[in-house]
Amino acid sequence: MINNFLLALVLTILIETTVLFMISIYWNLDKTKFSSKNIVFAGIMASSLTLPYLYFVFPYFLPWVLYIPVWEISVTLIEAVFYTFYFEIKFPKWLLISFLANFVSYSIWVILFWY
């Protein structure tokens, strides 16, 4: 289980950090706040703060049918709050960015491991 978690953590960080980079470039966000160093740090922190709960806590409290919707909504909100404070950007924008990063990450996981 630990090996699966570590793989999930590394892949999630890579995927979501890449999405953060792409969004910062596409939306031409402030280069001082959105430096490569800040984006990498934020991507690592956001995933490291949420993924352990998904792997080790949520499965014990949620039936499988609720696990994925509650999991994705919770992670999206928690990461959006983290990004809001870290990047000092308004919450609605970060809610969308967090949703996009998690949607891409979840979609890639479904394609790679469920098919």
PDB file of N, CA and C in Angstrom:
ATOM      1  N   MET A   1       0.824  -1.198   0.000  1.00  0.00           N
ATOM      2  CA  MET A   1       0.000   0.000   0.000  1.00  0.00           C
ATOM      3  C   MET A   1       0.871   1.266   0.000  1.00  0.00           C
ATOM      4  N   ILE A   2       1.990   1.229   0.723  1.00  0.00           N
ATOM      5  CA  ILE A   2       2.878   2.390   0.765  1.00  0.00           C
ATOM      6  C   ILE A   2       3.484   2.661  -0.612  1.00  0.00           C
ATOM      7  N   ASN A   3       3.877   1.605  -1.330  1.00  0.00           N
ATOM      8  CA  ASN A   3       4.420   1.799  -2.680  1.00  0.00           C
ATOM      9  C   ASN A   3       3.392   2.423  -3.602  1.00  0.00           C
ATOM     10  N   ASN A   4       2.137   1.979  -3.506  1.00  0.00           N
ATOM     11  CA  ASN A   4       1.061   2.570  -4.310  1.00  0.00           C
ATOM     12  C   ASN A   4       0.869   4.035  -3.955  1.00  0.00           C
ATOM     13  N   PHE A   5       0.920   4.326  -2.664  1.00  0.00           N
ATOM     14  CA  PHE A   5       0.762   5.714  -2.226  1.00  0.00           C
ATOM     15  C   PHE A   5       1.889   6.595  -2.766  1.00  0.00           C
ATOM     16  N   LEU A   6       3.128   6.126  -2.664  1.00  0.00           N
ATOM     17  CA  LEU A   6       4.258   6.922  -3.148  1.00  0.00           C
ATOM     18  C   LEU A   6       4.176   7.154  -4.658  1.00  0.00           C
ATOM     19  N   LEU A   7       3.786   6.138  -5.399  1.00  0.00           N
ATOM     20  CA  LEU A   7       3.589   6.296  -6.836  1.00  0.00           C
ATOM     21  C   LEU A   7       2.480   7.321  -7.109  1.00  0.00           C
ATOM     22  N   ALA A   8       1.384   7.193  -6.392  1.00  0.00           N
ATOM     23  CA  ALA A   8       0.272   8.130  -6.560  1.00  0.00           C
ATOM     24  C   ALA A   8       0.702   9.553  -6.224  1.00  0.00           C
ATOM     25  N   LEU A   9       1.471   9.710  -5.165  1.00  0.00           N
ATOM     26  CA  LEU A   9       1.924  11.041  -4.763  1.00  0.00           C
ATOM     27  C   LEU A   9       2.824  11.663  -5.832  1.00  0.00           C
ATOM     28  N   VAL A  10       3.796  10.911  -6.307  1.00  0.00           N
ATOM     29  CA  VAL A  10       4.720  11.443  -7.314  1.00  0.00           C
ATOM     30  C   VAL A  10       3.972  11.790  -8.599  1.00  0.00           C
ATOM     31  N   LEU A  11       3.125  10.899  -9.071  1.00  0.00           N
ATOM     32  CA  LEU A  11       2.378  11.174 -10.308  1.00  0.00           C
ATOM     33  C   LEU A  11       1.414  12.346 -10.143  1.00  0.00           C
ATOM     34  N   THR A  12       0.751  12.412  -9.008  1.00  0.00           N
ATOM     35  CA  THR A  12      -0.182  13.511  -8.762  1.00  0.00           C
ATOM     36  C   THR A  12       0.555  14.838  -8.732  1.00  0.00           C
ATOM     37  N   ILE A  13       1.692  14.887  -8.059  1.00  0.00           N
ATOM     38  CA  ILE A  13       2.487  16.118  -8.024  1.00  0.00           C
ATOM     39  C   ILE A  13       2.916  16.517  -9.432  1.00  0.00           C
ATOM     40  N   LEU A  14       3.403  15.552 -10.210  1.00  0.00           N
ATOM     41  CA  LEU A  14       3.842  15.859 -11.576  1.00  0.00           C
ATOM     42  C   LEU A  14       2.694  16.372 -12.442  1.00  0.00           C
ATOM     43  N   ILE A  15       1.566  15.700 -12.368  1.00  0.00           N
ATOM     44  CA  ILE A  15       0.415  16.080 -13.204  1.00  0.00           C
ATOM     45  C   ILE A  15      -0.124  17.438 -12.792  1.00  0.00           C
ATOM     46  N   GLU A  16      -0.397  17.615 -11.506  1.00  0.00           N
ATOM     47  CA  GLU A  16      -1.037  18.857 -11.062  1.00  0.00           C
ATOM     48  C   GLU A  16      -0.092  20.055 -11.157  1.00  0.00           C
ATOM     49  N   THR A  17       1.193  19.838 -10.937  1.00  0.00           N
ATOM     50  CA  THR A  17       2.150  20.929 -11.088  1.00  0.00           C
ATOM     51  C   THR A  17       2.257  21.336 -12.555  1.00  0.00           C
ATOM     52  N   THR A  18       2.229  20.372 -13.447  1.00  0.00           N
ATOM     53  CA  THR A  18       2.238  20.672 -14.881  1.00  0.00           C
ATOM     54  C   THR A  18       1.012  21.489 -15.261  1.00  0.00           C
ATOM     55  N   VAL A  19      -0.151  21.121 -14.729  1.00  0.00           N
ATOM     56  CA  VAL A  19      -1.375  21.882 -15.002  1.00  0.00           C
ATOM     57  C   VAL A  19      -1.237  23.307 -14.465  1.00  0.00           C
ATOM     58  N   LEU A  20      -0.669  23.464 -13.275  1.00  0.00           N
ATOM     59  CA  LEU A  20      -0.460  24.811 -12.726  1.00  0.00           C
ATOM     60  C   LEU A  20       0.445  25.641 -13.640  1.00  0.00           C
ATOM     61  N   PHE A  21       1.516  25.043 -14.138  1.00  0.00           N
ATOM     62  CA  PHE A  21       2.399  25.737 -15.079  1.00  0.00           C
ATOM     63  C   PHE A  21       1.639  26.149 -16.334  1.00  0.00           C
ATOM     64  N   MET A  22       0.882  25.235 -16.896  1.00  0.00           N
ATOM     65  CA  MET A  22       0.150  25.516 -18.131  1.00  0.00           C
ATOM     66  C   MET A  22      -0.867  26.639 -17.924  1.00  0.00           C
ATOM     67  N   ILE A  23      -1.573  26.613 -16.801  1.00  0.00           N
ATOM     68  CA  ILE A  23      -2.563  27.655 -16.519  1.00  0.00           C
ATOM     69  C   ILE A  23      -1.879  28.998 -16.321  1.00  0.00           C
ATOM     70  N   SER A  24      -0.758  29.012 -15.599  1.00  0.00           N
ATOM     71  CA  SER A  24      -0.070  30.287 -15.354  1.00  0.00           C
ATOM     72  C   SER A  24       0.427  30.896 -16.667  1.00  0.00           C
ATOM     73  N   ILE A  25       0.842  30.050 -17.596  1.00  0.00           N
ATOM     74  CA  ILE A  25       1.292  30.541 -18.906  1.00  0.00           C
ATOM     75  C   ILE A  25       0.096  30.991 -19.743  1.00  0.00           C
ATOM     76  N   TYR A  26      -0.945  30.172 -19.795  1.00  0.00           N
ATOM     77  CA  TYR A  26      -2.118  30.479 -20.620  1.00  0.00           C
ATOM     78  C   TYR A  26      -2.812  31.757 -20.154  1.00  0.00           C
ATOM     79  N   TRP A  27      -2.954  31.913 -18.826  1.00  0.00           N
ATOM     80  CA  TRP A  27      -3.617  33.104 -18.287  1.00  0.00           C
ATOM     81  C   TRP A  27      -2.650  34.263 -18.072  1.00  0.00           C
ATOM     82  N   ASN A  28      -1.378  34.064 -18.404  1.00  0.00           N
ATOM     83  CA  ASN A  28      -0.361  35.100 -18.259  1.00  0.00           C
ATOM     84  C   ASN A  28      -0.392  35.717 -16.850  1.00  0.00           C
ATOM     85  N   LEU A  29      -0.303  34.856 -15.855  1.00  0.00           N
ATOM     86  CA  LEU A  29      -0.361  35.304 -14.468  1.00  0.00           C
ATOM     87  C   LEU A  29       0.946  35.961 -14.058  1.00  0.00           C
ATOM     88  N   ASP A  30       0.883  36.777 -13.046  1.00  0.00           N
ATOM     89  CA  ASP A  30       2.015  37.545 -12.523  1.00  0.00           C
ATOM     90  C   ASP A  30       3.250  36.664 -12.340  1.00  0.00           C
ATOM     91  N   LYS A  31       4.317  36.982 -13.065  1.00  0.00           N
ATOM     92  CA  LYS A  31       5.533  36.146 -13.055  1.00  0.00           C
ATOM     93  C   LYS A  31       6.258  36.165 -11.720  1.00  0.00           C
ATOM     94  N   THR A  32       6.068  37.205 -10.909  1.00  0.00           N
ATOM     95  CA  THR A  32       6.750  37.215  -9.612  1.00  0.00           C
ATOM     96  C   THR A  32       6.074  36.256  -8.643  1.00  0.00           C
ATOM     97  N   LYS A  33       4.742  36.254  -8.612  1.00  0.00           N
ATOM     98  CA  LYS A  33       4.021  35.305  -7.746  1.00  0.00           C
ATOM     99  C   LYS A  33       4.081  33.898  -8.304  1.00  0.00           C
ATOM    100  N   PHE A  34       4.046  33.792  -9.618  1.00  0.00           N
ATOM    101  CA  PHE A  34       3.989  32.488 -10.279  1.00  0.00           C
ATOM    102  C   PHE A  34       5.321  32.115 -10.901  1.00  0.00           C
ATOM    103  N   SER A  35       6.375  32.261 -10.128  1.00  0.00           N
ATOM    104  CA  SER A  35       7.688  31.821 -10.590  1.00  0.00           C
ATOM    105  C   SER A  35       7.696  30.292 -10.603  1.00  0.00           C
ATOM    106  N   SER A  36       8.637  29.727 -11.300  1.00  0.00           N
ATOM    107  CA  SER A  36       8.744  28.258 -11.354  1.00  0.00           C
ATOM    108  C   SER A  36       8.883  27.673  -9.952  1.00  0.00           C
ATOM    109  N   LYS A  37       9.694  28.317  -9.133  1.00  0.00           N
ATOM    110  CA  LYS A  37       9.909  27.857  -7.761  1.00  0.00           C
ATOM    111  C   LYS A  37       8.601  27.847  -6.961  1.00  0.00           C
ATOM    112  N   ASN A  38       7.813  28.908  -7.078  1.00  0.00           N
ATOM    113  CA  ASN A  38       6.544  28.986  -6.349  1.00  0.00           C
ATOM    114  C   ASN A  38       5.529  27.949  -6.842  1.00  0.00           C
ATOM    115  N   ILE A  39       5.487  27.749  -8.140  1.00  0.00           N
ATOM    116  CA  ILE A  39       4.538  26.776  -8.688  1.00  0.00           C
ATOM    117  C   ILE A  39       4.915  25.365  -8.260  1.00  0.00           C
ATOM    118  N   VAL A  40       6.193  25.025  -8.336  1.00  0.00           N
ATOM    119  CA  VAL A  40       6.633  23.687  -7.917  1.00  0.00           C
ATOM    120  C   VAL A  40       6.331  23.489  -6.429  1.00  0.00           C
ATOM    121  N   PHE A  41       6.663  24.479  -5.610  1.00  0.00           N
ATOM    122  CA  PHE A  41       6.395  24.376  -4.175  1.00  0.00           C
ATOM    123  C   PHE A  41       4.900  24.191  -3.919  1.00  0.00           C
ATOM    124  N   ALA A  42       4.069  24.987  -4.576  1.00  0.00           N
ATOM    125  CA  ALA A  42       2.626  24.894  -4.376  1.00  0.00           C
ATOM    126  C   ALA A  42       2.084  23.540  -4.825  1.00  0.00           C
ATOM    127  N   GLY A  43       2.578  23.048  -5.960  1.00  0.00           N
ATOM    128  CA  GLY A  43       2.127  21.739  -6.445  1.00  0.00           C
ATOM    129  C   GLY A  43       2.498  20.619  -5.481  1.00  0.00           C
ATOM    130  N   ILE A  44       3.713  20.669  -4.959  1.00  0.00           N
ATOM    131  CA  ILE A  44       4.155  19.647  -4.003  1.00  0.00           C
ATOM    132  C   ILE A  44       3.351  19.742  -2.716  1.00  0.00           C
ATOM    133  N   MET A  45       3.191  20.939  -2.200  1.00  0.00           N
ATOM    134  CA  MET A  45       2.486  21.119  -0.929  1.00  0.00           C
ATOM    135  C   MET A  45       1.011  20.727  -1.028  1.00  0.00           C
ATOM    136  N   ALA A  46       0.339  21.186  -2.071  1.00  0.00           N
ATOM    137  CA  ALA A  46      -1.090  20.907  -2.200  1.00  0.00           C
ATOM    138  C   ALA A  46      -1.347  19.401  -2.254  1.00  0.00           C
ATOM    139  N   SER A  47      -0.590  18.700  -3.063  1.00  0.00           N
ATOM    140  CA  SER A  47      -0.782  17.248  -3.168  1.00  0.00           C
ATOM    141  C   SER A  47      -0.341  16.531  -1.897  1.00  0.00           C
ATOM    142  N   SER A  48       0.726  16.995  -1.292  1.00  0.00           N
ATOM    143  CA  SER A  48       1.220  16.357  -0.067  1.00  0.00           C
ATOM    144  C   SER A  48       0.280  16.578   1.114  1.00  0.00           C
ATOM    145  N   LEU A  49      -0.469  17.660   1.087  1.00  0.00           N
ATOM    146  CA  LEU A  49      -1.427  17.928   2.160  1.00  0.00           C
ATOM    147  C   LEU A  49      -2.720  17.128   2.013  1.00  0.00           C
ATOM    148  N   THR A  50      -3.076  16.786   0.796  1.00  0.00           N
ATOM    149  CA  THR A  50      -4.376  16.146   0.584  1.00  0.00           C
ATOM    150  C   THR A  50      -4.318  14.651   0.304  1.00  0.00           C
ATOM    151  N   LEU A  51      -3.334  14.199  -0.441  1.00  0.00           N
ATOM    152  CA  LEU A  51      -3.300  12.788  -0.850  1.00  0.00           C
ATOM    153  C   LEU A  51      -3.242  11.797   0.314  1.00  0.00           C
ATOM    154  N   PRO A  52      -2.507  12.077   1.390  1.00  0.00           N
ATOM    155  CA  PRO A  52      -2.512  11.115   2.510  1.00  0.00           C
ATOM    156  C   PRO A  52      -3.921  10.879   3.089  1.00  0.00           C
ATOM    157  N   TYR A  53      -4.715  11.919   3.126  1.00  0.00           N
ATOM    158  CA  TYR A  53      -6.089  11.753   3.616  1.00  0.00           C
ATOM    159  C   TYR A  53      -6.895  10.875   2.668  1.00  0.00           C
ATOM    160  N   LEU A  54      -6.673  11.055   1.381  1.00  0.00           N
ATOM    161  CA  LEU A  54      -7.407  10.259   0.403  1.00  0.00           C
ATOM    162  C   LEU A  54      -7.065   8.782   0.506  1.00  0.00           C
ATOM    163  N   TYR A  55      -5.805   8.508   0.748  1.00  0.00           N
ATOM    164  CA  TYR A  55      -5.355   7.117   0.812  1.00  0.00           C
ATOM    165  C   TYR A  55      -5.613   6.448   2.149  1.00  0.00           C
ATOM    166  N   PHE A  56      -5.400   7.189   3.217  1.00  0.00           N
ATOM    167  CA  PHE A  56      -5.371   6.547   4.528  1.00  0.00           C
ATOM    168  C   PHE A  56      -6.520   6.911   5.461  1.00  0.00           C
ATOM    169  N   VAL A  57      -7.279   7.957   5.173  1.00  0.00           N
ATOM    170  CA  VAL A  57      -8.354   8.374   6.079  1.00  0.00           C
ATOM    171  C   VAL A  57      -9.735   8.175   5.454  1.00  0.00           C
ATOM    172  N   PHE A  58      -9.982   8.785   4.309  1.00  0.00           N
ATOM    173  CA  PHE A  58     -11.308   8.721   3.693  1.00  0.00           C
ATOM    174  C   PHE A  58     -11.847   7.306   3.496  1.00  0.00           C
ATOM    175  N   PRO A  59     -11.034   6.349   3.084  1.00  0.00           N
ATOM    176  CA  PRO A  59     -11.586   5.005   2.850  1.00  0.00           C
ATOM    177  C   PRO A  59     -12.224   4.374   4.090  1.00  0.00           C
ATOM    178  N   TYR A  60     -11.830   4.796   5.259  1.00  0.00           N
ATOM    179  CA  TYR A  60     -12.384   4.221   6.486  1.00  0.00           C
ATOM    180  C   TYR A  60     -13.678   4.888   6.926  1.00  0.00           C
ATOM    181  N   PHE A  61     -13.997   6.033   6.357  1.00  0.00           N
ATOM    182  CA  PHE A  61     -15.175   6.776   6.790  1.00  0.00           C
ATOM    183  C   PHE A  61     -16.250   6.907   5.725  1.00  0.00           C
ATOM    184  N   LEU A  62     -15.917   6.565   4.495  1.00  0.00           N
ATOM    185  CA  LEU A  62     -16.877   6.746   3.408  1.00  0.00           C
ATOM    186  C   LEU A  62     -17.119   5.439   2.676  1.00  0.00           C
ATOM    187  N   PRO A  63     -18.392   5.150   2.373  1.00  0.00           N
ATOM    188  CA  PRO A  63     -18.640   3.995   1.505  1.00  0.00           C
ATOM    189  C   PRO A  63     -18.096   4.295   0.104  1.00  0.00           C
ATOM    190  N   TRP A  64     -17.703   3.250  -0.599  1.00  0.00           N
ATOM    191  CA  TRP A  64     -17.056   3.415  -1.898  1.00  0.00           C
ATOM    192  C   TRP A  64     -17.850   4.298  -2.849  1.00  0.00           C
ATOM    193  N   VAL A  65     -19.163   4.177  -2.831  1.00  0.00           N
ATOM    194  CA  VAL A  65     -19.997   4.931  -3.768  1.00  0.00           C
ATOM    195  C   VAL A  65     -19.863   6.448  -3.549  1.00  0.00           C
ATOM    196  N   LEU A  66     -19.577   6.868  -2.325  1.00  0.00           N
ATOM    197  CA  LEU A  66     -19.402   8.289  -2.019  1.00  0.00           C
ATOM    198  C   LEU A  66     -17.943   8.718  -2.041  1.00  0.00           C
ATOM    199  N   TYR A  67     -17.064   7.753  -2.013  1.00  0.00           N
ATOM    200  CA  TYR A  67     -15.639   8.029  -1.871  1.00  0.00           C
ATOM    201  C   TYR A  67     -15.116   8.990  -2.935  1.00  0.00           C
ATOM    202  N   ILE A  68     -15.360   8.684  -4.197  1.00  0.00           N
ATOM    203  CA  ILE A  68     -14.786   9.500  -5.272  1.00  0.00           C
ATOM    204  C   ILE A  68     -15.414  10.896  -5.335  1.00  0.00           C
ATOM    205  N   PRO A  69     -16.753  11.041  -5.315  1.00  0.00           N
ATOM    206  CA  PRO A  69     -17.277  12.413  -5.374  1.00  0.00           C
ATOM    207  C   PRO A  69     -16.883  13.265  -4.163  1.00  0.00           C
ATOM    208  N   VAL A  70     -16.963  12.703  -2.975  1.00  0.00           N
ATOM    209  CA  VAL A  70     -16.602  13.460  -1.776  1.00  0.00           C
ATOM    210  C   VAL A  70     -15.112  13.745  -1.780  1.00  0.00           C
ATOM    211  N   TRP A  71     -14.329  12.771  -2.189  1.00  0.00           N
ATOM    212  CA  TRP A  71     -12.880  12.893  -2.263  1.00  0.00           C
ATOM    213  C   TRP A  71     -12.496  14.039  -3.192  1.00  0.00           C
ATOM    214  N   GLU A  72     -12.994  14.024  -4.397  1.00  0.00           N
ATOM    215  CA  GLU A  72     -12.610  15.043  -5.375  1.00  0.00           C
ATOM    216  C   GLU A  72     -13.095  16.435  -4.978  1.00  0.00           C
ATOM    217  N   ILE A  73     -14.294  16.534  -4.466  1.00  0.00           N
ATOM    218  CA  ILE A  73     -14.811  17.841  -4.031  1.00  0.00           C
ATOM    219  C   ILE A  73     -13.993  18.370  -2.855  1.00  0.00           C
ATOM    220  N   SER A  74     -13.707  17.516  -1.885  1.00  0.00           N
ATOM    221  CA  SER A  74     -12.929  17.931  -0.709  1.00  0.00           C
ATOM    222  C   SER A  74     -11.532  18.377  -1.102  1.00  0.00           C
ATOM    223  N   VAL A  75     -10.871  17.583  -1.914  1.00  0.00           N
ATOM    224  CA  VAL A  75      -9.510  17.918  -2.337  1.00  0.00           C
ATOM    225  C   VAL A  75      -9.498  19.223  -3.123  1.00  0.00           C
ATOM    226  N   THR A  76     -10.439  19.387  -4.022  1.00  0.00           N
ATOM    227  CA  THR A  76     -10.515  20.606  -4.821  1.00  0.00           C
ATOM    228  C   THR A  76     -10.666  21.823  -3.919  1.00  0.00           C
ATOM    229  N   LEU A  77     -11.539  21.745  -2.931  1.00  0.00           N
ATOM    230  CA  LEU A  77     -11.750  22.873  -2.022  1.00  0.00           C
ATOM    231  C   LEU A  77     -10.524  23.147  -1.149  1.00  0.00           C
ATOM    232  N   ILE A  78      -9.947  22.097  -0.592  1.00  0.00           N
ATOM    233  CA  ILE A  78      -8.773  22.267   0.276  1.00  0.00           C
ATOM    234  C   ILE A  78      -7.607  22.859  -0.511  1.00  0.00           C
ATOM    235  N   GLU A  79      -7.363  22.338  -1.693  1.00  0.00           N
ATOM    236  CA  GLU A  79      -6.260  22.865  -2.500  1.00  0.00           C
ATOM    237  C   GLU A  79      -6.540  24.287  -2.964  1.00  0.00           C
ATOM    238  N   ALA A  80      -7.790  24.598  -3.272  1.00  0.00           N
ATOM    239  CA  ALA A  80      -8.138  25.971  -3.666  1.00  0.00           C
ATOM    240  C   ALA A  80      -7.872  26.949  -2.525  1.00  0.00           C
ATOM    241  N   VAL A  81      -8.201  26.550  -1.311  1.00  0.00           N
ATOM    242  CA  VAL A  81      -7.918  27.408  -0.152  1.00  0.00           C
ATOM    243  C   VAL A  81      -6.410  27.583   0.016  1.00  0.00           C
ATOM    244  N   PHE A  82      -5.668  26.491  -0.109  1.00  0.00           N
ATOM    245  CA  PHE A  82      -4.205  26.585  -0.014  1.00  0.00           C
ATOM    246  C   PHE A  82      -3.665  27.542  -1.062  1.00  0.00           C
ATOM    247  N   TYR A  83      -4.072  27.391  -2.334  1.00  0.00           N
ATOM    248  CA  TYR A  83      -3.585  28.243  -3.413  1.00  0.00           C
ATOM    249  C   TYR A  83      -3.978  29.709  -3.174  1.00  0.00           C
ATOM    250  N   THR A  84      -5.180  29.916  -2.665  1.00  0.00           N
ATOM    251  CA  THR A  84      -5.655  31.273  -2.396  1.00  0.00           C
ATOM    252  C   THR A  84      -4.718  31.991  -1.435  1.00  0.00           C
ATOM    253  N   PHE A  85      -4.356  31.328  -0.351  1.00  0.00           N
ATOM    254  CA  PHE A  85      -3.464  31.954   0.627  1.00  0.00           C
ATOM    255  C   PHE A  85      -2.018  32.013   0.134  1.00  0.00           C
ATOM    256  N   TYR A  86      -1.561  30.977  -0.516  1.00  0.00           N
ATOM    257  CA  TYR A  86      -0.167  30.938  -0.956  1.00  0.00           C
ATOM    258  C   TYR A  86       0.110  31.967  -2.048  1.00  0.00           C
ATOM    259  N   PHE A  87      -0.760  32.035  -3.040  1.00  0.00           N
ATOM    260  CA  PHE A  87      -0.541  32.942  -4.160  1.00  0.00           C
ATOM    261  C   PHE A  87      -1.221  34.299  -3.985  1.00  0.00           C
ATOM    262  N   GLU A  88      -1.984  34.441  -2.911  1.00  0.00           N
ATOM    263  CA  GLU A  88      -2.699  35.692  -2.633  1.00  0.00           C
ATOM    264  C   GLU A  88      -3.570  36.113  -3.819  1.00  0.00           C
ATOM    265  N   ILE A  89      -4.374  35.185  -4.271  1.00  0.00           N
ATOM    266  CA  ILE A  89      -5.282  35.407  -5.397  1.00  0.00           C
ATOM    267  C   ILE A  89      -6.689  35.115  -4.885  1.00  0.00           C
ATOM    268  N   LYS A  90      -7.677  35.737  -5.475  1.00  0.00           N
ATOM    269  CA  LYS A  90      -9.064  35.553  -5.030  1.00  0.00           C
ATOM    270  C   LYS A  90      -9.507  34.097  -5.160  1.00  0.00           C
ATOM    271  N   PHE A  91     -10.323  33.689  -4.205  1.00  0.00           N
ATOM    272  CA  PHE A  91     -10.770  32.304  -4.103  1.00  0.00           C
ATOM    273  C   PHE A  91     -11.474  31.776  -5.358  1.00  0.00           C
ATOM    274  N   PRO A  92     -12.423  32.488  -5.957  1.00  0.00           N
ATOM    275  CA  PRO A  92     -13.113  31.875  -7.112  1.00  0.00           C
ATOM    276  C   PRO A  92     -12.167  31.457  -8.225  1.00  0.00           C
ATOM    277  N   LYS A  93     -11.134  32.252  -8.487  1.00  0.00           N
ATOM    278  CA  LYS A  93     -10.183  31.892  -9.549  1.00  0.00           C
ATOM    279  C   LYS A  93      -9.437  30.617  -9.158  1.00  0.00           C
ATOM    280  N   TRP A  94      -9.033  30.516  -7.898  1.00  0.00           N
ATOM    281  CA  TRP A  94      -8.303  29.331  -7.476  1.00  0.00           C
ATOM    282  C   TRP A  94      -9.183  28.106  -7.373  1.00  0.00           C
ATOM    283  N   LEU A  95     -10.457  28.311  -7.154  1.00  0.00           N
ATOM    284  CA  LEU A  95     -11.377  27.173  -7.166  1.00  0.00           C
ATOM    285  C   LEU A  95     -11.399  26.563  -8.564  1.00  0.00           C
ATOM    286  N   LEU A  96     -11.448  27.407  -9.570  1.00  0.00           N
ATOM    287  CA  LEU A  96     -11.423  26.921 -10.955  1.00  0.00           C
ATOM    288  C   LEU A  96     -10.083  26.253 -11.276  1.00  0.00           C
ATOM    289  N   ILE A  97      -8.985  26.866 -10.879  1.00  0.00           N
ATOM    290  CA  ILE A  97      -7.659  26.298 -11.145  1.00  0.00           C
ATOM    291  C   ILE A  97      -7.502  24.961 -10.433  1.00  0.00           C
ATOM    292  N   SER A  98      -7.919  24.898  -9.180  1.00  0.00           N
ATOM    293  CA  SER A  98      -7.842  23.649  -8.423  1.00  0.00           C
ATOM    294  C   SER A  98      -8.719  22.576  -9.064  1.00  0.00           C
ATOM    295  N   PHE A  99      -9.905  22.965  -9.502  1.00  0.00           N
ATOM    296  CA  PHE A  99     -10.785  22.014 -10.178  1.00  0.00           C
ATOM    297  C   PHE A  99     -10.117  21.470 -11.444  1.00  0.00           C
ATOM    298  N   LEU A 100      -9.535  22.340 -12.240  1.00  0.00           N
ATOM    299  CA  LEU A 100      -8.890  21.892 -13.482  1.00  0.00           C
ATOM    300  C   LEU A 100      -7.721  20.950 -13.199  1.00  0.00           C
ATOM    301  N   ALA A 101      -6.887  21.309 -12.220  1.00  0.00           N
ATOM    302  CA  ALA A 101      -5.739  20.456 -11.888  1.00  0.00           C
ATOM    303  C   ALA A 101      -6.203  19.086 -11.412  1.00  0.00           C
ATOM    304  N   ASN A 102      -7.220  19.059 -10.562  1.00  0.00           N
ATOM    305  CA  ASN A 102      -7.717  17.787 -10.043  1.00  0.00           C
ATOM    306  C   ASN A 102      -8.475  16.995 -11.096  1.00  0.00           C
ATOM    307  N   PHE A 103      -9.190  17.680 -11.971  1.00  0.00           N
ATOM    308  CA  PHE A 103      -9.912  16.999 -13.047  1.00  0.00           C
ATOM    309  C   PHE A 103      -8.929  16.306 -13.988  1.00  0.00           C
ATOM    310  N   VAL A 104      -7.883  17.013 -14.371  1.00  0.00           N
ATOM    311  CA  VAL A 104      -6.869  16.416 -15.256  1.00  0.00           C
ATOM    312  C   VAL A 104      -6.191  15.250 -14.553  1.00  0.00           C
ATOM    313  N   SER A 105      -5.811  15.446 -13.303  1.00  0.00           N
ATOM    314  CA  SER A 105      -5.143  14.393 -12.541  1.00  0.00           C
ATOM    315  C   SER A 105      -6.039  13.158 -12.418  1.00  0.00           C
ATOM    316  N   TYR A 106      -7.273  13.353 -12.022  1.00  0.00           N
ATOM    317  CA  TYR A 106      -8.205  12.242 -11.872  1.00  0.00           C
ATOM    318  C   TYR A 106      -8.436  11.538 -13.215  1.00  0.00           C
ATOM    319  N   SER A 107      -8.598  12.313 -14.273  1.00  0.00           N
ATOM    320  CA  SER A 107      -8.829  11.726 -15.602  1.00  0.00           C
ATOM    321  C   SER A 107      -7.656  10.866 -16.046  1.00  0.00           C
ATOM    322  N   ILE A 108      -6.449  11.345 -15.811  1.00  0.00           N
ATOM    323  CA  ILE A 108      -5.264  10.553 -16.178  1.00  0.00           C
ATOM    324  C   ILE A 108      -5.199   9.278 -15.349  1.00  0.00           C
ATOM    325  N   TRP A 109      -5.523   9.365 -14.062  1.00  0.00           N
ATOM    326  CA  TRP A 109      -5.534   8.164 -13.217  1.00  0.00           C
ATOM    327  C   TRP A 109      -6.548   7.146 -13.725  1.00  0.00           C
ATOM    328  N   VAL A 110      -7.717   7.618 -14.118  1.00  0.00           N
ATOM    329  CA  VAL A 110      -8.741   6.703 -14.642  1.00  0.00           C
ATOM    330  C   VAL A 110      -8.230   6.018 -15.904  1.00  0.00           C
ATOM    331  N   ILE A 111      -7.646   6.786 -16.785  1.00  0.00           N
ATOM    332  CA  ILE A 111      -7.141   6.222 -18.052  1.00  0.00           C
ATOM    333  C   ILE A 111      -6.005   5.229 -17.778  1.00  0.00           C
ATOM    334  N   LEU A 112      -5.065   5.592 -16.916  1.00  0.00           N
ATOM    335  CA  LEU A 112      -3.912   4.737 -16.675  1.00  0.00           C
ATOM    336  C   LEU A 112      -4.217   3.467 -15.884  1.00  0.00           C
ATOM    337  N   PHE A 113      -5.069   3.572 -14.876  1.00  0.00           N
ATOM    338  CA  PHE A 113      -5.199   2.477 -13.927  1.00  0.00           C
ATOM    339  C   PHE A 113      -6.557   1.792 -13.881  1.00  0.00           C
ATOM    340  N   TRP A 114      -7.553   2.354 -14.514  1.00  0.00           N
ATOM    341  CA  TRP A 114      -8.866   1.715 -14.469  1.00  0.00           C
ATOM    342  C   TRP A 114      -9.267   1.080 -15.787  1.00  0.00           C
ATOM    343  N   TYR A 115      -8.505   1.339 -16.826  1.00  0.00           N
ATOM    344  CA  TYR A 115      -8.823   0.743 -18.135  1.00  0.00           C
ATOM    345  C   TYR A 115      -7.780  -0.277 -18.498  1.00  0.00           C
TER     346      TYR A 115
END
